[in-house]
């Protein structure tokens, strides 16, 4: 079973082995214009394409964004995300999320 990271894991550190995945899920409602962007060291982790999953059947309803993250090399990195309107710049950031990742061979 693939481990899942959520809002509750903000600020924590996780351990992964090379080749092992983790799933990151964060609440998001793209109809507001706000979204999460993810920054990570691509030498150590491979980030799958962002996927949005709706939790409501209504138009404009929220849901969550999901990323599949796979450890590809030993080392230490941090997954850094910000919830913002990218076109409005840093002043639009409403929330930040970070998880440390320690990757072993």
Protein backbone atom coordinates (compact mmCIF):
# COMPACT_ATOMS: atom_id res chain seq x y z
CA UNK A 1 0.00 0.00 0.00
CA UNK A 2 1.32 3.44 -0.96
CA UNK A 3 1.67 5.86 1.99
CA UNK A 4 -0.45 9.03 1.74
CA UNK A 5 0.61 12.51 2.88
CA UNK A 6 -2.09 15.02 3.83
CA UNK A 7 -2.48 18.43 5.46
CA UNK A 8 -1.78 16.74 8.81
CA UNK A 9 1.79 15.95 7.68
CA UNK A 10 2.81 19.58 7.15
CA UNK A 11 6.17 20.18 8.83
CA UNK A 12 6.97 16.49 9.31
CA UNK A 13 9.82 14.40 7.89
CA UNK A 14 9.26 11.06 6.20
CA UNK A 15 11.62 8.22 5.28
CA UNK A 16 11.52 6.62 1.82
CA UNK A 17 13.61 4.03 0.02
CA UNK A 18 14.77 4.49 -3.56
CA UNK A 19 12.05 3.23 -5.89
CA UNK A 20 9.26 3.64 -3.36
CA UNK A 21 6.35 6.03 -3.95
CA UNK A 22 4.24 8.25 -1.73
CA UNK A 23 0.97 10.01 -2.62
CA UNK A 24 0.45 13.65 -1.62
CA UNK A 25 -3.14 14.91 -1.31
CA UNK A 26 -4.08 18.49 -0.46
CA UNK A 27 -7.49 20.21 -0.55
CA UNK A 28 -8.00 22.53 -3.50
CA UNK A 29 -10.80 24.31 -5.33
CA UNK A 30 -9.45 25.45 -8.72
CA UNK A 31 -12.62 27.42 -9.52
CA UNK A 32 -11.34 30.09 -7.08
CA UNK A 33 -8.20 30.59 -9.16
CA UNK A 34 -6.04 29.37 -6.29
CA UNK A 35 -3.96 26.24 -6.69
CA UNK A 36 -1.02 24.38 -5.23
CA UNK A 37 2.38 24.36 -6.90
CA UNK A 38 5.05 21.87 -5.88
CA UNK A 39 8.80 22.37 -5.82
CA UNK A 40 11.22 19.50 -5.14
CA UNK A 41 14.72 18.37 -6.06
CA UNK A 42 14.25 16.43 -9.32
CA UNK A 43 17.57 14.65 -8.77
CA UNK A 44 16.10 12.88 -5.73
CA UNK A 45 12.37 12.57 -6.40
CA UNK A 46 10.23 12.14 -9.47
CA UNK A 47 6.95 14.06 -9.34
CA UNK A 48 3.99 12.71 -11.30
CA UNK A 49 1.60 15.09 -13.03
CA UNK A 50 -0.77 16.99 -10.73
CA UNK A 51 -4.25 15.50 -10.76
CA UNK A 52 -7.43 17.11 -9.41
CA UNK A 53 -10.13 14.90 -7.90
CA UNK A 54 -13.54 16.48 -7.30
CA UNK A 55 -15.24 15.71 -4.00
CA UNK A 56 -18.54 17.38 -4.86
CA UNK A 57 -20.92 16.87 -7.74
CA UNK A 58 -21.71 20.59 -7.94
CA UNK A 59 -20.10 22.97 -10.40
CA UNK A 60 -17.35 24.94 -8.69
CA UNK A 61 -17.16 22.42 -5.86
CA UNK A 62 -13.90 21.64 -4.19
CA UNK A 63 -11.82 18.54 -4.09
CA UNK A 64 -8.16 17.76 -3.78
CA UNK A 65 -4.98 17.85 -5.79
CA UNK A 66 -2.88 14.70 -5.88
CA UNK A 67 0.71 14.02 -6.83
CA UNK A 68 2.51 10.69 -7.01
CA UNK A 69 6.07 11.15 -5.75
CA UNK A 70 8.75 8.50 -6.21
CA UNK A 71 12.19 8.43 -4.57
CA UNK A 72 14.85 8.01 -7.28
CA UNK A 73 18.18 8.57 -5.47
CA UNK A 74 19.48 8.58 -1.88
CA UNK A 75 19.63 11.93 -0.12
CA UNK A 76 17.59 14.51 1.75
CA UNK A 77 15.16 17.00 0.24
CA UNK A 78 12.07 18.99 1.09
CA UNK A 79 8.77 19.00 -0.77
CA UNK A 80 7.68 22.66 -0.79
CA UNK A 81 4.24 23.76 -1.87
CA UNK A 82 2.37 27.02 -1.92
CA UNK A 83 -1.32 27.68 -2.43
CA UNK A 84 -1.66 30.80 -4.56
CA UNK A 85 -2.78 32.52 -7.70
CA UNK A 86 0.42 32.19 -9.68
CA UNK A 87 -0.34 35.19 -11.93
CA UNK A 88 -0.72 37.43 -8.84
CA UNK A 89 2.69 36.52 -7.42
CA UNK A 90 3.95 35.86 -3.89
CA UNK A 91 1.50 38.30 -2.31
CA UNK A 92 -1.35 35.93 -3.16
CA UNK A 93 0.05 32.97 -1.18
CA UNK A 94 -2.58 31.83 1.33
CA UNK A 95 -0.85 28.72 2.66
CA UNK A 96 2.48 26.89 2.57
CA UNK A 97 3.19 23.19 3.02
CA UNK A 98 6.53 21.44 3.58
CA UNK A 99 7.55 17.85 4.20
CA UNK A 100 11.14 16.72 4.63
CA UNK A 101 12.10 13.54 2.80
CA UNK A 102 15.03 11.32 3.78
CA UNK A 103 15.75 8.79 1.04
CA UNK A 104 17.81 5.66 1.65
CA UNK A 105 19.19 3.15 -0.87
